Amino acid sequence: MGNQTQGAQVFGIGQCSLDYIGKIEAYPPPDRKCEFVDMVIQSGGPVATALVALARWGISCAFAGVLGDDLFGRMIRESLEGEGIDTAGVMIRRGKGSQFAFIVAEPGLGRRTIFWRRPTGPPLSPEEIDLRRVEQARILHTDGRFVEASLACCKTARKAGVQVVTDADSFHEGLVELARWSDFFISSENFASAFLQKEDPREACQRISELGPKVAGVTLGAKGYVALAEGLWIEKPAYPVEAVDTTGCGDVFHAGFIFGVLRGWAYEKCFDFAAWAAAMVSLKMGGRSGIPSLEQVRERGF
């Protein structure tokens, strides 16, 4: 079932995708043609990309997810294994399609639009997870896409003293339940607005923290982030950069936070590193091209 290592420090469960990313000058109105340039083909997915960043920074990682037995699936798995990530937990659905996305980036505005198809096979089930691997990890990272399997992993992790980090991108009720089993719950601005039914990131942090996480944060894109960390408010703007493509920024933000937790850093430093790493990703096309190397991390003083 692919590359295996024992006792990975971070066990991830969630989405993995193949992304086609093209650059456009401006998003077009309906019924128009729009030329794109500089296309990049790269694997993606919130948890998968976070694990790639962590692996490049010297952290051992294992991934559980779903692929089809198509060309995209083979490319996705090879990309993970090429980074040294344990893919023993990846389930292959015969005769089904893998997750795929086409992304258009608007460099002048530093934003992107994602069109995606979820895997066409059945979702990952709790019975397909080797929970012993979760118990052996130091951190469990999930995006909540496979709610039942993710919840089983979270409950196992909490009982074993493994810290849980949740990446909440788009809102669904399953993520609210996962918050009750998470130590660190960092959401997108979109999730926070849908959760509260209004735009108030600080109140979202407060409400999420009341569900149980000791750290609740909301990423705000170019505006930075806000977090409530064990009673301490942390709020800073993003690192100022000329963003080319914001694909993967949130994924690597979570990776940066996890890296800091593993190093035992104060929460403020964890978030600062996360924000810097995310900013570096935005300088290149694709969610993984701009991940800073371990050498760059050290040069920056982290």
Protein backbone atom coordinates (compact mmCIF):
# COMPACT_ATOMS: atom_id res chain seq x y z
CA MET A 1 0.00 0.00 0.00
CA GLY A 2 2.86 2.42 -0.59
CA ASN A 3 5.68 3.96 1.33
CA GLN A 4 5.64 3.15 5.07
CA THR A 5 7.49 4.48 8.08
CA GLN A 6 6.76 3.58 11.67
CA GLY A 7 5.72 6.08 14.27
CA ALA A 8 5.18 9.19 12.13
CA GLN A 9 5.18 12.40 14.18
CA VAL A 10 2.15 13.77 12.31
CA PHE A 11 -0.75 11.61 11.10
CA GLY A 12 -2.97 13.40 8.57
CA ILE A 13 -6.43 12.46 7.33
CA GLY A 14 -8.21 14.40 4.62
CA GLN A 15 -8.27 15.51 1.01
CA CYS A 16 -5.63 14.96 -1.64
CA SER A 17 -6.07 16.38 -5.12
CA LEU A 18 -4.43 16.98 -8.45
CA ASP A 19 -4.51 20.70 -9.28
CA TYR A 20 -4.23 22.40 -12.67
CA ILE A 21 -3.40 26.05 -11.97
CA GLY A 22 -3.44 28.77 -14.62
CA LYS A 23 -2.75 32.50 -14.45
CA ILE A 24 -5.25 35.04 -15.83
CA GLU A 25 -5.30 38.84 -15.87
CA ALA A 26 -8.84 39.15 -14.51
CA TYR A 27 -11.77 36.85 -13.85
CA PRO A 28 -14.07 36.92 -16.91
CA PRO A 29 -17.83 37.64 -17.07
CA PRO A 30 -20.10 34.78 -18.26
CA ASP A 31 -20.07 33.57 -21.87
CA ARG A 32 -16.57 34.86 -22.61
CA LYS A 33 -13.31 33.25 -23.55
CA CYS A 34 -10.39 33.79 -21.20
CA GLU A 35 -6.78 32.92 -22.02
CA PHE A 36 -4.59 31.59 -19.23
CA VAL A 37 -0.79 31.30 -19.06
CA ASP A 38 1.93 29.69 -16.93
CA MET A 39 -0.04 26.54 -16.17
CA VAL A 40 1.26 24.43 -13.30
CA ILE A 41 0.18 20.84 -12.63
CA GLN A 42 0.69 19.99 -8.98
CA SER A 43 -0.83 17.84 -6.26
CA GLY A 44 -2.83 19.61 -3.58
CA GLY A 45 -5.36 19.22 -0.77
CA PRO A 46 -5.33 20.91 2.65
CA VAL A 47 -3.89 18.12 4.77
CA ALA A 48 -1.78 16.59 2.00
CA THR A 49 -0.04 19.91 1.26
CA ALA A 50 0.45 20.61 4.97
CA LEU A 51 2.19 17.24 5.32
CA VAL A 52 4.42 18.01 2.32
CA ALA A 53 5.58 21.21 4.01
CA LEU A 54 6.21 19.41 7.28
CA ALA A 55 8.10 16.61 5.53
CA ARG A 56 10.37 19.18 3.85
CA TRP A 57 11.06 20.63 7.30
CA GLY A 58 12.20 17.25 8.60
CA ILE A 59 8.98 16.00 10.24
CA SER A 60 7.93 12.39 9.63
CA CYS A 61 4.36 12.21 8.33
CA ALA A 62 1.70 9.63 7.47
CA PHE A 63 -1.41 10.28 5.37
CA ALA A 64 -4.83 8.64 5.13
CA GLY A 65 -7.13 9.54 2.26
CA VAL A 66 -8.96 8.28 -0.83
CA LEU A 67 -7.84 8.01 -4.45
CA GLY A 68 -9.28 6.50 -7.61
CA ASP A 69 -7.28 4.05 -9.69
CA ASP A 70 -6.90 6.69 -12.42
CA LEU A 71 -3.89 8.62 -13.72
CA PHE A 72 -4.56 11.48 -11.32
CA GLY A 73 -4.54 9.04 -8.40
CA ARG A 74 -1.18 7.62 -9.39
CA MET A 75 0.27 11.12 -9.77
CA ILE A 76 -1.05 12.19 -6.36
CA ARG A 77 0.32 9.14 -4.57
CA GLU A 78 3.69 9.41 -6.29
CA SER A 79 3.92 13.07 -5.27
CA LEU A 80 3.33 12.17 -1.61
CA GLU A 81 5.75 9.26 -1.64
CA GLY A 82 8.32 11.43 -3.41
CA GLU A 83 8.23 13.70 -0.33
CA GLY A 84 8.82 10.73 1.98
CA ILE A 85 5.25 10.65 3.31
CA ASP A 86 3.81 7.33 4.49
CA THR A 87 0.89 6.49 2.16
CA ALA A 88 -0.11 3.17 3.77
CA GLY A 89 -3.40 4.76 4.84
CA VAL A 90 -4.40 5.81 1.32
CA MET A 91 -7.32 3.73 0.03
CA ILE A 92 -7.64 3.11 -3.72
CA ARG A 93 -11.21 2.94 -5.06
CA ARG A 94 -11.27 0.70 -8.12
CA GLY A 95 -12.97 2.15 -11.18
CA LYS A 96 -13.40 5.55 -9.49
CA GLY A 97 -11.97 9.02 -10.05
CA SER A 98 -9.60 10.96 -7.81
CA GLN A 99 -10.16 14.49 -6.55
CA PHE A 100 -9.32 17.07 -9.19
CA ALA A 101 -9.27 20.86 -9.30
CA PHE A 102 -8.78 23.57 -11.88
CA ILE A 103 -7.62 26.82 -10.31
CA VAL A 104 -7.39 30.27 -11.88
CA ALA A 105 -5.06 32.74 -10.19
CA GLU A 106 -5.25 36.53 -10.52
CA PRO A 107 -1.75 37.70 -9.53
CA GLY A 108 -2.58 41.41 -9.59
CA LEU A 109 -5.27 40.89 -6.95
CA GLY A 110 -3.57 38.05 -5.08
CA ARG A 111 -6.64 35.81 -5.25
CA ARG A 112 -7.71 32.57 -6.89
CA THR A 113 -10.88 30.69 -7.82
CA ILE A 114 -11.11 26.91 -7.41
CA PHE A 115 -13.32 24.56 -9.42
CA TRP A 116 -13.09 21.07 -7.96
CA ARG A 117 -14.53 17.57 -8.11
CA ARG A 118 -14.54 15.41 -5.02
CA PRO A 119 -13.41 11.75 -5.29
CA THR A 120 -16.13 9.71 -6.98
CA GLY A 121 -15.56 6.65 -4.76
CA PRO A 122 -16.90 6.04 -1.24
CA PRO A 123 -15.44 8.23 1.53
CA LEU A 124 -12.89 6.88 3.96
CA SER A 125 -14.59 4.87 6.71
CA PRO A 126 -13.48 4.54 10.36
CA GLU A 127 -12.84 0.83 9.78
CA GLU A 128 -10.23 1.66 7.13
CA ILE A 129 -8.08 3.68 9.54
CA ASP A 130 -5.23 2.01 11.42
CA LEU A 131 -5.90 3.77 14.70
CA ARG A 132 -2.67 2.42 16.16
CA ARG A 133 -0.83 4.79 13.81
CA VAL A 134 -2.85 7.68 15.23
CA GLU A 135 -1.90 6.67 18.78
CA GLN A 136 1.79 6.62 17.82
CA ALA A 137 1.75 10.18 16.45
CA ARG A 138 2.40 13.42 18.31
CA ILE A 139 -0.17 15.36 16.28
CA LEU A 140 -3.27 14.40 14.30
CA HIS A 141 -4.13 16.80 11.48
CA THR A 142 -7.52 16.73 9.74
CA ASP A 143 -9.59 18.89 7.41
CA GLY A 144 -12.80 17.10 8.41
CA ARG A 145 -13.63 15.99 4.88
CA PHE A 146 -14.32 12.37 5.96
CA VAL A 147 -16.31 13.28 9.05
CA GLU A 148 -16.92 9.83 10.57
CA ALA A 149 -13.36 8.65 10.00
CA SER A 150 -11.94 11.97 11.19
CA LEU A 151 -14.06 11.87 14.33
CA ALA A 152 -12.88 8.34 15.11
CA CYS A 153 -9.28 9.50 14.69
CA CYS A 154 -9.86 12.57 16.88
CA LYS A 155 -11.41 10.53 19.70
CA THR A 156 -8.57 8.01 19.52
CA ALA A 157 -5.99 10.79 19.51
CA ARG A 158 -7.46 12.58 22.52
CA LYS A 159 -7.59 9.35 24.55
CA ALA A 160 -3.94 8.66 23.67
CA GLY A 161 -2.78 12.19 24.52
CA VAL A 162 -2.13 13.05 20.85
CA GLN A 163 -2.85 16.70 20.05
CA VAL A 164 -5.46 17.40 17.34
CA VAL A 165 -5.18 20.20 14.77
CA THR A 166 -8.23 20.87 12.55
CA ASP A 167 -8.19 22.90 9.34
CA ALA A 168 -11.74 24.21 8.85
CA ASP A 169 -12.06 25.67 5.37
CA SER A 170 -15.66 25.50 4.17
CA PHE A 171 -18.49 25.16 6.70
CA HIS A 172 -20.32 21.92 7.43
CA GLU A 173 -21.84 20.66 10.68
CA GLY A 174 -19.33 17.84 10.99
CA LEU A 175 -16.56 20.35 11.54
CA VAL A 176 -18.42 21.86 14.49
CA GLU A 177 -18.50 18.41 16.09
CA LEU A 178 -14.78 17.96 15.36
CA ALA A 179 -14.10 21.23 17.18
CA ARG A 180 -15.24 19.53 20.39
CA TRP A 181 -12.40 17.02 19.96
CA SER A 182 -9.73 19.43 18.74
CA ASP A 183 -6.90 21.06 20.66
CA PHE A 184 -6.22 23.56 17.89
CA PHE A 185 -8.98 24.67 15.53
CA ILE A 186 -7.89 27.12 12.82
CA SER A 187 -10.56 28.09 10.30
CA SER A 188 -10.84 30.18 7.18
CA GLU A 189 -12.70 33.48 7.12
CA ASN A 190 -15.42 31.74 5.06
CA PHE A 191 -15.95 29.07 7.73
CA ALA A 192 -16.04 31.64 10.52
CA SER A 193 -18.66 33.77 8.72
CA ALA A 194 -20.87 30.77 7.97
CA PHE A 195 -20.51 29.45 11.52
CA LEU A 196 -21.57 32.76 13.08
CA GLN A 197 -23.83 33.83 10.18
CA LYS A 198 -22.05 37.17 10.29
CA GLU A 199 -18.53 38.52 9.81
CA ASP A 200 -16.85 38.81 13.19
CA PRO A 201 -13.61 36.77 13.39
CA ARG A 202 -12.99 37.61 17.06
CA GLU A 203 -16.44 36.44 18.09
CA ALA A 204 -15.95 33.32 15.95
CA CYS A 205 -12.75 32.55 17.89
CA GLN A 206 -14.62 33.06 21.17
CA ARG A 207 -17.50 30.80 20.14
CA ILE A 208 -15.22 28.08 18.79
CA SER A 209 -13.06 28.12 21.92
CA GLU A 210 -16.22 27.56 23.99
CA LEU A 211 -16.64 24.24 22.18
CA GLY A 212 -13.36 22.98 23.65
CA PRO A 213 -10.23 23.86 21.64
CA LYS A 214 -7.50 25.55 23.67
CA VAL A 215 -6.57 27.56 20.56
CA ALA A 216 -9.16 28.89 18.10
CA GLY A 217 -7.95 30.92 15.14
CA VAL A 218 -9.27 32.47 11.94
CA THR A 219 -7.07 33.17 8.91
CA LEU A 220 -8.01 36.38 7.09
CA GLY A 221 -5.95 36.22 3.89
CA ALA A 222 -4.15 39.48 3.21
CA LYS A 223 -5.54 40.89 6.48
CA GLY A 224 -3.60 38.32 8.52
CA TYR A 225 -5.12 36.31 11.34
CA VAL A 226 -6.75 36.47 14.75
CA ALA A 227 -6.62 33.79 17.45
CA LEU A 228 -7.69 33.15 21.01
CA ALA A 229 -4.98 30.98 22.56
CA GLU A 230 -5.70 29.84 26.10
CA GLY A 231 -7.21 33.22 26.94
CA LEU A 232 -4.58 35.26 25.06
CA TRP A 233 -5.61 37.25 21.98
CA ILE A 234 -3.14 37.15 19.09
CA GLU A 235 -3.92 39.37 16.11
CA LYS A 236 -1.50 40.41 13.36
CA PRO A 237 -1.56 41.47 9.71
CA ALA A 238 -0.17 39.22 7.00
CA TYR A 239 3.43 39.53 5.89
CA PRO A 240 3.42 42.11 3.06
CA VAL A 241 4.18 40.40 -0.26
CA GLU A 242 3.20 40.75 -3.92
CA ALA A 243 1.10 37.58 -4.07
CA VAL A 244 1.10 35.65 -7.35
CA ASP A 245 -1.16 32.74 -6.33
CA THR A 246 -2.72 32.12 -2.92
CA THR A 247 -3.35 28.40 -3.55
CA GLY A 248 -1.99 26.41 -0.62
CA CYS A 249 -1.43 29.39 1.68
CA GLY A 250 -3.93 28.17 4.26
CA ASP A 251 -2.58 24.62 4.07
CA VAL A 252 0.98 25.75 4.76
CA PHE A 253 -0.25 28.12 7.47
CA HIS A 254 -1.47 25.04 9.33
CA ALA A 255 1.79 23.26 8.65
CA GLY A 256 3.71 26.19 10.11
CA PHE A 257 1.55 26.21 13.22
CA ILE A 258 2.01 22.44 13.67
CA PHE A 259 5.78 22.79 13.22
CA GLY A 260 5.86 25.36 15.99
CA VAL A 261 3.78 23.19 18.33
CA LEU A 262 6.15 20.28 17.74
CA ARG A 263 9.09 22.57 18.57
CA GLY A 264 7.40 23.72 21.77
CA TRP A 265 7.22 27.36 20.69
CA ALA A 266 4.96 29.95 22.29
CA TYR A 267 1.68 30.30 20.40
CA GLU A 268 2.58 33.78 19.14
CA LYS A 269 5.72 32.40 17.50
CA CYS A 270 3.76 29.44 16.06
CA PHE A 271 1.35 31.84 14.38
CA ASP A 272 4.11 34.17 13.23
CA PHE A 273 5.97 31.33 11.52
CA ALA A 274 2.70 30.06 10.02
CA ALA A 275 1.97 33.49 8.54
CA TRP A 276 5.48 33.89 7.13
CA ALA A 277 5.46 30.41 5.54
CA ALA A 278 2.03 31.08 3.98
CA ALA A 279 3.27 34.38 2.56
CA MET A 280 6.24 32.61 0.95
CA VAL A 281 3.88 30.13 -0.72
CA SER A 282 1.95 32.98 -2.37
CA LEU A 283 5.04 34.13 -4.29
CA LYS A 284 4.92 31.18 -6.70
CA MET A 285 2.29 29.40 -8.75
CA GLY A 286 0.90 26.29 -7.06
CA GLY A 287 0.42 25.39 -3.43
CA ARG A 288 3.76 23.63 -3.03
CA SER A 289 6.27 25.46 -5.26
CA GLY A 290 6.81 28.26 -2.76
CA ILE A 291 7.05 26.22 0.44
CA PRO A 292 10.17 27.60 2.11
CA SER A 293 13.03 25.15 2.56
CA LEU A 294 14.39 24.24 5.98
CA GLU A 295 17.45 26.32 5.12
CA GLN A 296 15.23 29.36 4.44
CA VAL A 297 13.43 28.74 7.72
CA ARG A 298 16.71 28.77 9.60
CA GLU A 299 17.96 31.84 7.73
CA ARG A 300 14.78 33.64 8.78
CA GLY A 301 15.63 32.89 12.40
CA PHE A 302 12.87 30.46 13.27
